[in-house]
C-alpha atoms as a PDB file:
ATOM      1  CA  UNK A   1     -30.635 -11.266 -21.202  1.00  0.00           C
ATOM      2  CA  UNK A   2     -29.549  -7.845 -20.281  1.00  0.00           C
ATOM      3  CA  UNK A   3     -26.463  -6.284 -18.856  1.00  0.00           C
ATOM      4  CA  UNK A   4     -27.179  -5.142 -15.391  1.00  0.00           C
ATOM      5  CA  UNK A   5     -27.207  -1.433 -14.257  1.00  0.00           C
ATOM      6  CA  UNK A   6     -23.761  -0.702 -12.421  1.00  0.00           C
ATOM      7  CA  UNK A   7     -24.236  -1.238  -8.861  1.00  0.00           C
ATOM      8  CA  UNK A   8     -26.196  -4.246  -9.402  1.00  0.00           C
ATOM      9  CA  UNK A   9     -23.300  -6.614  -9.639  1.00  0.00           C
ATOM     10  CA  UNK A  10     -19.774  -6.974  -7.490  1.00  0.00           C
ATOM     11  CA  UNK A  11     -18.136  -5.008 -10.240  1.00  0.00           C
ATOM     12  CA  UNK A  12     -20.454  -2.178 -10.626  1.00  0.00           C
ATOM     13  CA  UNK A  13     -18.726   0.512  -8.293  1.00  0.00           C
ATOM     14  CA  UNK A  14     -15.534  -0.293  -9.254  1.00  0.00           C
ATOM     15  CA  UNK A  15     -16.347   0.153 -12.872  1.00  0.00           C
ATOM     16  CA  UNK A  16     -18.287   3.119 -12.355  1.00  0.00           C
ATOM     17  CA  UNK A  17     -15.088   4.835 -11.025  1.00  0.00           C
ATOM     18  CA  UNK A  18     -12.669   3.767 -13.778  1.00  0.00           C
ATOM     19  CA  UNK A  19     -15.408   5.223 -16.369  1.00  0.00           C
ATOM     20  CA  UNK A  20     -15.480   8.385 -14.524  1.00  0.00           C
ATOM     21  CA  UNK A  21     -11.998   8.692 -14.293  1.00  0.00           C
ATOM     22  CA  UNK A  22     -11.622   8.857 -10.401  1.00  0.00           C
ATOM     23  CA  UNK A  23      -9.311   6.979  -7.912  1.00  0.00           C
ATOM     24  CA  UNK A  24     -10.594   5.167  -5.025  1.00  0.00           C
ATOM     25  CA  UNK A  25      -9.055   6.622  -1.795  1.00  0.00           C
ATOM     26  CA  UNK A  26      -9.238   4.789   1.555  1.00  0.00           C
ATOM     27  CA  UNK A  27      -7.964   6.601   4.651  1.00  0.00           C
ATOM     28  CA  UNK A  28      -6.482   5.063   7.901  1.00  0.00           C
ATOM     29  CA  UNK A  29      -6.656   7.458  10.981  1.00  0.00           C
ATOM     30  CA  UNK A  30      -3.059   7.701  13.339  1.00  0.00           C
ATOM     31  CA  UNK A  31      -2.756   4.465  15.692  1.00  0.00           C
ATOM     32  CA  UNK A  32      -5.386   2.738  13.943  1.00  0.00           C
ATOM     33  CA  UNK A  33      -4.321  -1.327  12.792  1.00  0.00           C
ATOM     34  CA  UNK A  34      -6.492  -1.871   9.571  1.00  0.00           C
ATOM     35  CA  UNK A  35      -6.961  -4.959   7.857  1.00  0.00           C
ATOM     36  CA  UNK A  36      -7.202  -4.547   3.710  1.00  0.00           C
ATOM     37  CA  UNK A  37      -9.433  -6.956   1.859  1.00  0.00           C
ATOM     38  CA  UNK A  38      -9.476  -7.862  -1.571  1.00  0.00           C
ATOM     39  CA  UNK A  39     -12.253  -5.349  -2.325  1.00  0.00           C
ATOM     40  CA  UNK A  40     -10.136  -2.512  -1.190  1.00  0.00           C
ATOM     41  CA  UNK A  41      -7.453  -3.188  -4.144  1.00  0.00           C
ATOM     42  CA  UNK A  42      -6.810  -0.609  -6.701  1.00  0.00           C
ATOM     43  CA  UNK A  43      -7.292   1.962  -3.859  1.00  0.00           C
ATOM     44  CA  UNK A  44      -4.838   4.842  -2.867  1.00  0.00           C
ATOM     45  CA  UNK A  45      -4.390   4.250   0.903  1.00  0.00           C
ATOM     46  CA  UNK A  46      -3.868   7.439   2.575  1.00  0.00           C
ATOM     47  CA  UNK A  47      -2.224   6.740   6.410  1.00  0.00           C
ATOM     48  CA  UNK A  48      -1.838   9.278   8.652  1.00  0.00           C
ATOM     49  CA  UNK A  49       1.673   8.532   9.597  1.00  0.00           C
ATOM     50  CA  UNK A  50       1.757   8.145  13.431  1.00  0.00           C
ATOM     51  CA  UNK A  51       1.782   4.465  14.447  1.00  0.00           C
ATOM     52  CA  UNK A  52      -0.576   3.244  11.857  1.00  0.00           C
ATOM     53  CA  UNK A  53      -0.541  -0.350  10.846  1.00  0.00           C
ATOM     54  CA  UNK A  54      -2.009  -1.773   7.883  1.00  0.00           C
ATOM     55  CA  UNK A  55      -2.158  -5.331   7.105  1.00  0.00           C
ATOM     56  CA  UNK A  56      -2.535  -6.524   3.137  1.00  0.00           C
ATOM     57  CA  UNK A  57      -5.160  -9.161   2.503  1.00  0.00           C
ATOM     58  CA  UNK A  58      -4.010 -12.981   1.445  1.00  0.00           C
ATOM     59  CA  UNK A  59      -2.081 -12.942  -1.574  1.00  0.00           C
ATOM     60  CA  UNK A  60      -4.079 -13.020  -5.013  1.00  0.00           C
ATOM     61  CA  UNK A  61      -3.157 -12.477  -8.336  1.00  0.00           C
ATOM     62  CA  UNK A  62      -4.181  -9.171  -9.419  1.00  0.00           C
ATOM     63  CA  UNK A  63      -4.466  -7.247  -6.252  1.00  0.00           C
ATOM     64  CA  UNK A  64      -2.745  -3.747  -5.700  1.00  0.00           C
ATOM     65  CA  UNK A  65      -2.494  -0.788  -3.406  1.00  0.00           C
ATOM     66  CA  UNK A  66      -0.720   2.392  -3.185  1.00  0.00           C
ATOM     67  CA  UNK A  67       0.103   3.564   0.359  1.00  0.00           C
ATOM     68  CA  UNK A  68       0.349   7.211   0.557  1.00  0.00           C
ATOM     69  CA  UNK A  69       1.964   9.047   3.780  1.00  0.00           C
ATOM     70  CA  UNK A  70      -0.145  12.233   4.363  1.00  0.00           C
ATOM     71  CA  UNK A  71       1.372  13.620   7.126  1.00  0.00           C
ATOM     72  CA  UNK A  72       5.121  13.554   8.612  1.00  0.00           C
ATOM     73  CA  UNK A  73       5.654  10.868  10.861  1.00  0.00           C
ATOM     74  CA  UNK A  74       6.676  11.195  14.372  1.00  0.00           C
ATOM     75  CA  UNK A  75       6.086   7.424  14.831  1.00  0.00           C
ATOM     76  CA  UNK A  76       6.642   4.114  13.026  1.00  0.00           C
ATOM     77  CA  UNK A  77       4.153   2.999  10.800  1.00  0.00           C
ATOM     78  CA  UNK A  78       4.119  -0.643   9.176  1.00  0.00           C
ATOM     79  CA  UNK A  79       2.495  -2.243   5.907  1.00  0.00           C
ATOM     80  CA  UNK A  80       2.682  -5.749   6.741  1.00  0.00           C
ATOM     81  CA  UNK A  81       1.633  -8.930   4.272  1.00  0.00           C
ATOM     82  CA  UNK A  82      -0.708 -11.519   5.423  1.00  0.00           C
ATOM     83  CA  UNK A  83       0.897 -14.791   6.789  1.00  0.00           C
ATOM     84  CA  UNK A  84       3.972 -15.572   5.103  1.00  0.00           C
ATOM     85  CA  UNK A  85       3.709 -13.304   1.589  1.00  0.00           C
ATOM     86  CA  UNK A  86       6.796 -11.747   1.271  1.00  0.00           C
ATOM     87  CA  UNK A  87       8.173  -8.557  -0.277  1.00  0.00           C
ATOM     88  CA  UNK A  88       9.900  -8.284  -3.182  1.00  0.00           C
ATOM     89  CA  UNK A  89      12.149  -5.526  -5.113  1.00  0.00           C
ATOM     90  CA  UNK A  90      13.204  -2.192  -3.523  1.00  0.00           C
ATOM     91  CA  UNK A  91      12.201   1.010  -2.110  1.00  0.00           C
ATOM     92  CA  UNK A  92      13.669   4.007  -3.551  1.00  0.00           C
ATOM     93  CA  UNK A  93      14.756   7.299  -2.019  1.00  0.00           C
ATOM     94  CA  UNK A  94      15.735  10.797  -3.097  1.00  0.00           C
ATOM     95  CA  UNK A  95      19.083  10.040  -1.826  1.00  0.00           C
ATOM     96  CA  UNK A  96      19.435   7.523  -4.354  1.00  0.00           C
ATOM     97  CA  UNK A  97      20.187   4.824  -2.193  1.00  0.00           C
ATOM     98  CA  UNK A  98      17.448   1.675  -1.902  1.00  0.00           C
ATOM     99  CA  UNK A  99      16.447  -0.677   0.582  1.00  0.00           C
ATOM    100  CA  UNK A 100      16.638  -3.940  -1.003  1.00  0.00           C
ATOM    101  CA  UNK A 101      13.663  -6.831   0.054  1.00  0.00           C
ATOM    102  CA  UNK A 102      15.452 -10.147   1.025  1.00  0.00           C
ATOM    103  CA  UNK A 103      13.657 -13.580   1.522  1.00  0.00           C
ATOM    104  CA  UNK A 104      11.327 -13.044   4.446  1.00  0.00           C
ATOM    105  CA  UNK A 105      10.865  -9.504   4.460  1.00  0.00           C
ATOM    106  CA  UNK A 106       7.144  -9.276   5.305  1.00  0.00           C
ATOM    107  CA  UNK A 107       7.040  -5.627   6.526  1.00  0.00           C
ATOM    108  CA  UNK A 108       7.657  -1.780   5.126  1.00  0.00           C
ATOM    109  CA  UNK A 109       8.189   0.017   7.914  1.00  0.00           C
ATOM    110  CA  UNK A 110       8.264   3.939   7.878  1.00  0.00           C
ATOM    111  CA  UNK A 111      10.782   5.910   9.852  1.00  0.00           C
ATOM    112  CA  UNK A 112      10.320   9.216  11.513  1.00  0.00           C
ATOM    113  CA  UNK A 113      12.048  10.994   8.714  1.00  0.00           C
ATOM    114  CA  UNK A 114       8.951   9.630   6.280  1.00  0.00           C
ATOM    115  CA  UNK A 115       7.637  13.004   5.038  1.00  0.00           C
ATOM    116  CA  UNK A 116       3.984  13.728   3.360  1.00  0.00           C
ATOM    117  CA  UNK A 117       3.899  12.731  -0.222  1.00  0.00           C
ATOM    118  CA  UNK A 118       6.064   9.811   0.375  1.00  0.00           C
ATOM    119  CA  UNK A 119       4.523   6.267  -1.183  1.00  0.00           C
ATOM    120  CA  UNK A 120       5.007   2.970  -2.257  1.00  0.00           C
ATOM    121  CA  UNK A 121       2.766   0.849  -4.541  1.00  0.00           C
ATOM    122  CA  UNK A 122       2.716  -2.808  -4.462  1.00  0.00           C
ATOM    123  CA  UNK A 123       1.159  -5.484  -6.706  1.00  0.00           C
ATOM    124  CA  UNK A 124       0.561  -9.522  -6.061  1.00  0.00           C
ATOM    125  CA  UNK A 125       1.136 -12.321  -8.251  1.00  0.00           C
ATOM    126  CA  UNK A 126      -0.572 -14.429  -6.175  1.00  0.00           C
ATOM    127  CA  UNK A 127       2.821 -15.515  -3.954  1.00  0.00           C
ATOM    128  CA  UNK A 128       4.484 -12.375  -3.204  1.00  0.00           C
ATOM    129  CA  UNK A 129       3.866  -8.585  -3.101  1.00  0.00           C
ATOM    130  CA  UNK A 130       6.085  -6.869  -5.951  1.00  0.00           C
ATOM    131  CA  UNK A 131       7.526  -3.069  -5.199  1.00  0.00           C
ATOM    132  CA  UNK A 132       6.025  -1.352  -8.403  1.00  0.00           C
ATOM    133  CA  UNK A 133       6.796   1.960  -7.537  1.00  0.00           C
ATOM    134  CA  UNK A 134       7.957   4.127  -4.439  1.00  0.00           C
ATOM    135  CA  UNK A 135       9.541   7.159  -3.295  1.00  0.00           C
ATOM    136  CA  UNK A 136      10.929   7.997   0.251  1.00  0.00           C
ATOM    137  CA  UNK A 137      12.573  11.651   1.172  1.00  0.00           C
ATOM    138  CA  UNK A 138      15.282   9.806   2.851  1.00  0.00           C
ATOM    139  CA  UNK A 139      16.775   6.719   3.524  1.00  0.00           C
ATOM    140  CA  UNK A 140      17.687   7.263   7.334  1.00  0.00           C
ATOM    141  CA  UNK A 141      14.490   6.760   9.061  1.00  0.00           C
ATOM    142  CA  UNK A 142      12.810   6.518   5.567  1.00  0.00           C
ATOM    143  CA  UNK A 143      10.853   3.838   4.509  1.00  0.00           C
ATOM    144  CA  UNK A 144      12.594   0.303   4.823  1.00  0.00           C
ATOM    145  CA  UNK A 145      11.834  -3.235   4.676  1.00  0.00           C
ATOM    146  CA  UNK A 146      11.469  -5.647   7.860  1.00  0.00           C
END
């Protein structure tokens, strides 16, 4: 029995990306409500920051995403958990003030002061989504939990 070629099994494409040192991007257009799947895990999700809404897949250990805001926001965007999965951690801002998640926070909302390059990375332990890294240019009308 031999090892299958890349692409002949469910991990082939992901393994090839890692071997090539590439990062997977998934772009979400302005005004779109997108549902991510476990297969999207590991991607940098590039959001057009105008009324875009993204829902994470159901909690599963090891899933991880980075959300990158590609443009200056003129309308609120949202990153939602599926069902009642909570966010845990804090959203950091250049101003030094952070928004800290409390029990029941299931959304990250961006305000109209979100700028291109702001980002948040999340990882799941199978129950909750942990904030691994984040940067918002401001706290007032920047990224907050809801």
